[in-house]
Amino acid sequence: MIRIGAIVFIVGAVATLVTVAPLFLGTHPFPSVAYAVCMLMGVGFVIAAAGLLRTIGAQRRRARQALDARQARAADQTLQAHQAGSEASSPVA
């Protein structure tokens, strides 16, 4: 989604350069539709930002799941060590 946003942004940026160039060159300006294509620059930025936020959320979820799994394994190992220690210290009848 970030790449798509970047591509749309670049298309809008090129359209902006092409649309503004006749104003500096003294030729006839492009029709209004050409100026509408320039709006793709902002749309591309919004798409890329949404993709970035989505990626951040996914990475945070994966990190939280990995941390939870690591803590669960540590708790299991602690419980097993505690059980093994209590069995070794109990007198055999």
N, C-alpha and C. Protein backbone atom coordinates (compact mmCIF):
# COMPACT_ATOMS: atom_id res chain seq x y z
N MET A 1 0.82 -1.18 0.00
CA MET A 1 0.00 0.00 0.00
C MET A 1 0.88 1.26 0.00
N ILE A 2 2.02 1.16 0.65
CA ILE A 2 2.94 2.30 0.66
C ILE A 2 3.49 2.54 -0.74
N ARG A 3 3.83 1.46 -1.43
CA ARG A 3 4.36 1.60 -2.79
C ARG A 3 3.33 2.19 -3.73
N ILE A 4 2.09 1.74 -3.60
CA ILE A 4 1.03 2.28 -4.45
C ILE A 4 0.86 3.77 -4.19
N GLY A 5 0.88 4.14 -2.92
CA GLY A 5 0.78 5.56 -2.58
C GLY A 5 1.93 6.36 -3.14
N ALA A 6 3.13 5.79 -3.10
CA ALA A 6 4.30 6.49 -3.65
C ALA A 6 4.17 6.67 -5.16
N ILE A 7 3.68 5.65 -5.84
CA ILE A 7 3.50 5.75 -7.30
C ILE A 7 2.46 6.82 -7.64
N VAL A 8 1.34 6.80 -6.93
CA VAL A 8 0.30 7.81 -7.18
C VAL A 8 0.84 9.20 -6.88
N PHE A 9 1.63 9.33 -5.82
CA PHE A 9 2.23 10.62 -5.47
C PHE A 9 3.16 11.10 -6.59
N ILE A 10 3.98 10.21 -7.13
CA ILE A 10 4.91 10.59 -8.20
C ILE A 10 4.15 11.00 -9.45
N VAL A 11 3.07 10.28 -9.77
CA VAL A 11 2.25 10.67 -10.93
C VAL A 11 1.68 12.07 -10.71
N GLY A 12 1.21 12.34 -9.51
CA GLY A 12 0.70 13.68 -9.21
C GLY A 12 1.78 14.74 -9.26
N ALA A 13 2.98 14.41 -8.79
CA ALA A 13 4.08 15.37 -8.82
C ALA A 13 4.49 15.69 -10.26
N VAL A 14 4.55 14.67 -11.11
CA VAL A 14 4.89 14.90 -12.52
C VAL A 14 3.80 15.73 -13.18
N ALA A 15 2.55 15.41 -12.86
CA ALA A 15 1.44 16.19 -13.43
C ALA A 15 1.53 17.65 -12.98
N THR A 16 1.93 17.87 -11.74
CA THR A 16 2.07 19.24 -11.26
C THR A 16 3.16 19.98 -12.02
N LEU A 17 4.29 19.31 -12.23
CA LEU A 17 5.37 19.95 -12.99
C LEU A 17 4.95 20.26 -14.42
N VAL A 18 4.26 19.32 -15.05
CA VAL A 18 3.81 19.52 -16.43
C VAL A 18 2.76 20.63 -16.49
N THR A 19 1.91 20.72 -15.51
CA THR A 19 0.85 21.72 -15.51
C THR A 19 1.40 23.12 -15.23
N VAL A 20 2.40 23.22 -14.39
CA VAL A 20 2.95 24.52 -14.03
C VAL A 20 3.94 25.04 -15.07
N ALA A 21 4.56 24.14 -15.82
CA ALA A 21 5.58 24.54 -16.80
C ALA A 21 5.08 25.58 -17.81
N PRO A 22 3.87 25.43 -18.38
CA PRO A 22 3.42 26.46 -19.35
C PRO A 22 3.27 27.85 -18.73
N LEU A 23 3.03 27.91 -17.42
CA LEU A 23 2.91 29.22 -16.79
C LEU A 23 4.25 29.95 -16.78
N PHE A 24 5.35 29.19 -16.63
CA PHE A 24 6.68 29.79 -16.64
C PHE A 24 7.20 30.03 -18.05
N LEU A 25 6.73 29.22 -18.99
CA LEU A 25 7.21 29.33 -20.37
C LEU A 25 6.42 30.34 -21.18
N GLY A 26 5.33 30.84 -20.64
CA GLY A 26 4.54 31.84 -21.32
C GLY A 26 3.61 31.27 -22.38
N THR A 27 3.37 29.98 -22.38
CA THR A 27 2.45 29.37 -23.35
C THR A 27 1.05 29.29 -22.74
N HIS A 28 0.15 28.72 -23.50
CA HIS A 28 -1.23 28.61 -23.02
C HIS A 28 -1.31 27.54 -21.93
N PRO A 29 -2.01 27.82 -20.84
CA PRO A 29 -2.11 26.83 -19.77
C PRO A 29 -2.99 25.65 -20.18
N PHE A 30 -2.80 24.56 -19.49
CA PHE A 30 -3.59 23.35 -19.74
C PHE A 30 -5.02 23.55 -19.24
N PRO A 31 -5.94 22.70 -19.71
CA PRO A 31 -7.32 22.80 -19.22
C PRO A 31 -7.42 22.40 -17.74
N SER A 32 -8.57 22.67 -17.16
CA SER A 32 -8.78 22.42 -15.73
C SER A 32 -8.61 20.96 -15.35
N VAL A 33 -8.87 20.06 -16.27
CA VAL A 33 -8.73 18.63 -15.98
C VAL A 33 -7.28 18.31 -15.61
N ALA A 34 -6.34 18.97 -16.24
CA ALA A 34 -4.93 18.74 -15.93
C ALA A 34 -4.62 19.14 -14.49
N TYR A 35 -5.26 20.20 -14.03
CA TYR A 35 -5.05 20.61 -12.64
C TYR A 35 -5.66 19.61 -11.67
N ALA A 36 -6.74 18.95 -12.09
CA ALA A 36 -7.37 17.93 -11.25
C ALA A 36 -6.43 16.73 -11.07
N VAL A 37 -5.65 16.40 -12.11
CA VAL A 37 -4.71 15.29 -12.02
C VAL A 37 -3.63 15.59 -10.98
N CYS A 38 -3.34 16.86 -10.78
CA CYS A 38 -2.34 17.26 -9.78
C CYS A 38 -2.77 16.86 -8.37
N MET A 39 -4.07 16.70 -8.18
CA MET A 39 -4.58 16.31 -6.85
C MET A 39 -4.14 14.90 -6.47
N LEU A 40 -3.67 14.13 -7.45
CA LEU A 40 -3.18 12.78 -7.14
C LEU A 40 -1.99 12.81 -6.19
N MET A 41 -1.28 13.92 -6.17
CA MET A 41 -0.15 14.03 -5.25
C MET A 41 -0.63 13.91 -3.81
N GLY A 42 -1.67 14.61 -3.47
CA GLY A 42 -2.22 14.52 -2.11
C GLY A 42 -2.85 13.17 -1.83
N VAL A 43 -3.53 12.63 -2.83
CA VAL A 43 -4.16 11.32 -2.67
C VAL A 43 -3.09 10.26 -2.44
N GLY A 44 -2.00 10.33 -3.19
CA GLY A 44 -0.91 9.38 -3.02
C GLY A 44 -0.28 9.48 -1.63
N PHE A 45 -0.17 10.70 -1.14
CA PHE A 45 0.38 10.88 0.20
C PHE A 45 -0.52 10.24 1.25
N VAL A 46 -1.82 10.42 1.11
CA VAL A 46 -2.77 9.84 2.07
C VAL A 46 -2.73 8.31 1.99
N ILE A 47 -2.66 7.75 0.79
CA ILE A 47 -2.59 6.29 0.64
C ILE A 47 -1.32 5.75 1.29
N ALA A 48 -0.19 6.41 1.04
CA ALA A 48 1.08 5.96 1.62
C ALA A 48 1.05 6.07 3.15
N ALA A 49 0.48 7.15 3.67
CA ALA A 49 0.40 7.31 5.12
C ALA A 49 -0.50 6.23 5.74
N ALA A 50 -1.61 5.92 5.08
CA ALA A 50 -2.50 4.87 5.58
C ALA A 50 -1.77 3.52 5.57
N GLY A 51 -1.02 3.25 4.52
CA GLY A 51 -0.25 2.01 4.45
C GLY A 51 0.81 1.94 5.53
N LEU A 52 1.43 3.06 5.81
CA LEU A 52 2.46 3.11 6.85
C LEU A 52 1.84 2.83 8.22
N LEU A 53 0.70 3.46 8.51
CA LEU A 53 0.03 3.21 9.79
C LEU A 53 -0.43 1.77 9.91
N ARG A 54 -0.88 1.20 8.80
CA ARG A 54 -1.30 -0.20 8.80
C ARG A 54 -0.13 -1.13 9.07
N THR A 55 1.00 -0.84 8.47
CA THR A 55 2.21 -1.64 8.68
C THR A 55 2.68 -1.54 10.13
N ILE A 56 2.64 -0.34 10.68
CA ILE A 56 3.04 -0.15 12.08
C ILE A 56 2.15 -0.99 13.00
N GLY A 57 0.85 -0.96 12.75
CA GLY A 57 -0.08 -1.74 13.57
C GLY A 57 0.19 -3.24 13.48
N ALA A 58 0.47 -3.72 12.27
CA ALA A 58 0.74 -5.15 12.09
C ALA A 58 2.03 -5.55 12.81
N GLN A 59 3.06 -4.73 12.72
CA GLN A 59 4.32 -5.04 13.40
C GLN A 59 4.15 -5.03 14.91
N ARG A 60 3.36 -4.09 15.42
CA ARG A 60 3.13 -4.05 16.87
C ARG A 60 2.37 -5.29 17.33
N ARG A 61 1.39 -5.73 16.54
CA ARG A 61 0.64 -6.94 16.91
C ARG A 61 1.56 -8.16 16.91
N ARG A 62 2.42 -8.29 15.89
CA ARG A 62 3.34 -9.43 15.85
C ARG A 62 4.31 -9.39 17.02
N ALA A 63 4.80 -8.21 17.36
CA ALA A 63 5.74 -8.10 18.49
C ALA A 63 5.04 -8.46 19.80
N ARG A 64 3.79 -8.03 19.96
CA ARG A 64 3.05 -8.34 21.18
C ARG A 64 2.78 -9.85 21.28
N GLN A 65 2.45 -10.49 20.17
CA GLN A 65 2.22 -11.93 20.18
C GLN A 65 3.50 -12.68 20.51
N ALA A 66 4.62 -12.23 19.96
CA ALA A 66 5.89 -12.89 20.26
C ALA A 66 6.25 -12.73 21.73
N LEU A 67 6.01 -11.55 22.28
CA LEU A 67 6.30 -11.32 23.69
C LEU A 67 5.40 -12.17 24.57
N ASP A 68 4.12 -12.27 24.23
CA ASP A 68 3.21 -13.11 25.00
C ASP A 68 3.63 -14.57 24.96
N ALA A 69 4.05 -15.05 23.79
CA ALA A 69 4.48 -16.43 23.66
C ALA A 69 5.75 -16.67 24.47
N ARG A 70 6.68 -15.71 24.45
CA ARG A 70 7.90 -15.84 25.22
C ARG A 70 7.61 -15.87 26.72
N GLN A 71 6.70 -15.02 27.16
CA GLN A 71 6.34 -14.99 28.58
C GLN A 71 5.63 -16.28 28.99
N ALA A 72 4.81 -16.83 28.11
CA ALA A 72 4.11 -18.09 28.42
C ALA A 72 5.12 -19.23 28.54
N ARG A 73 6.11 -19.28 27.64
CA ARG A 73 7.14 -20.32 27.73
C ARG A 73 7.94 -20.19 29.01
N ALA A 74 8.28 -18.96 29.37
CA ALA A 74 9.04 -18.73 30.60
C ALA A 74 8.24 -19.16 31.81
N ALA A 75 6.94 -18.89 31.81
CA ALA A 75 6.09 -19.29 32.93
C ALA A 75 5.99 -20.81 33.02
N ASP A 76 5.89 -21.48 31.86
CA ASP A 76 5.84 -22.94 31.86
C ASP A 76 7.14 -23.54 32.38
N GLN A 77 8.27 -22.97 31.96
CA GLN A 77 9.56 -23.49 32.42
C GLN A 77 9.73 -23.28 33.92
N THR A 78 9.27 -22.14 34.41
CA THR A 78 9.36 -21.86 35.84
C THR A 78 8.49 -22.84 36.62
N LEU A 79 7.29 -23.10 36.11
CA LEU A 79 6.39 -24.04 36.77
C LEU A 79 6.97 -25.45 36.77
N GLN A 80 7.54 -25.88 35.65
CA GLN A 80 8.15 -27.21 35.58
C GLN A 80 9.34 -27.31 36.52
N ALA A 81 10.15 -26.28 36.59
CA ALA A 81 11.31 -26.30 37.48
C ALA A 81 10.85 -26.35 38.94
N HIS A 82 9.80 -25.63 39.24
CA HIS A 82 9.27 -25.62 40.61
C HIS A 82 8.70 -26.99 40.97
N GLN A 83 7.99 -27.61 40.04
CA GLN A 83 7.43 -28.93 40.29
C GLN A 83 8.53 -29.97 40.43
N ALA A 84 9.56 -29.88 39.59
CA ALA A 84 10.66 -30.83 39.68
C ALA A 84 11.41 -30.65 41.00
N GLY A 85 11.56 -29.42 41.46
CA GLY A 85 12.24 -29.15 42.71
C GLY A 85 11.44 -29.65 43.90
N SER A 86 10.12 -29.53 43.86
CA SER A 86 9.31 -29.99 45.00
C SER A 86 9.24 -31.51 45.03
N GLU A 87 9.30 -32.18 43.88
CA GLU A 87 9.30 -33.64 43.86
C GLU A 87 10.61 -34.19 44.40
N ALA A 88 11.71 -33.50 44.10
CA ALA A 88 13.03 -33.97 44.56
C ALA A 88 13.17 -33.79 46.06
N SER A 89 12.55 -32.79 46.62
CA SER A 89 12.72 -32.53 48.05
C SER A 89 11.72 -33.29 48.91
N SER A 90 10.71 -33.89 48.31
CA SER A 90 9.74 -34.62 49.13
C SER A 90 10.30 -35.98 49.51
N PRO A 91 10.04 -36.41 50.75
CA PRO A 91 10.57 -37.70 51.19
C PRO A 91 9.86 -38.85 50.49
N VAL A 92 10.63 -39.87 50.17
CA VAL A 92 10.07 -41.06 49.51
C VAL A 92 9.62 -42.04 50.60
N ALA A 93 8.40 -42.51 50.49
CA ALA A 93 7.86 -43.41 51.53
C ALA A 93 8.13 -44.83 51.24
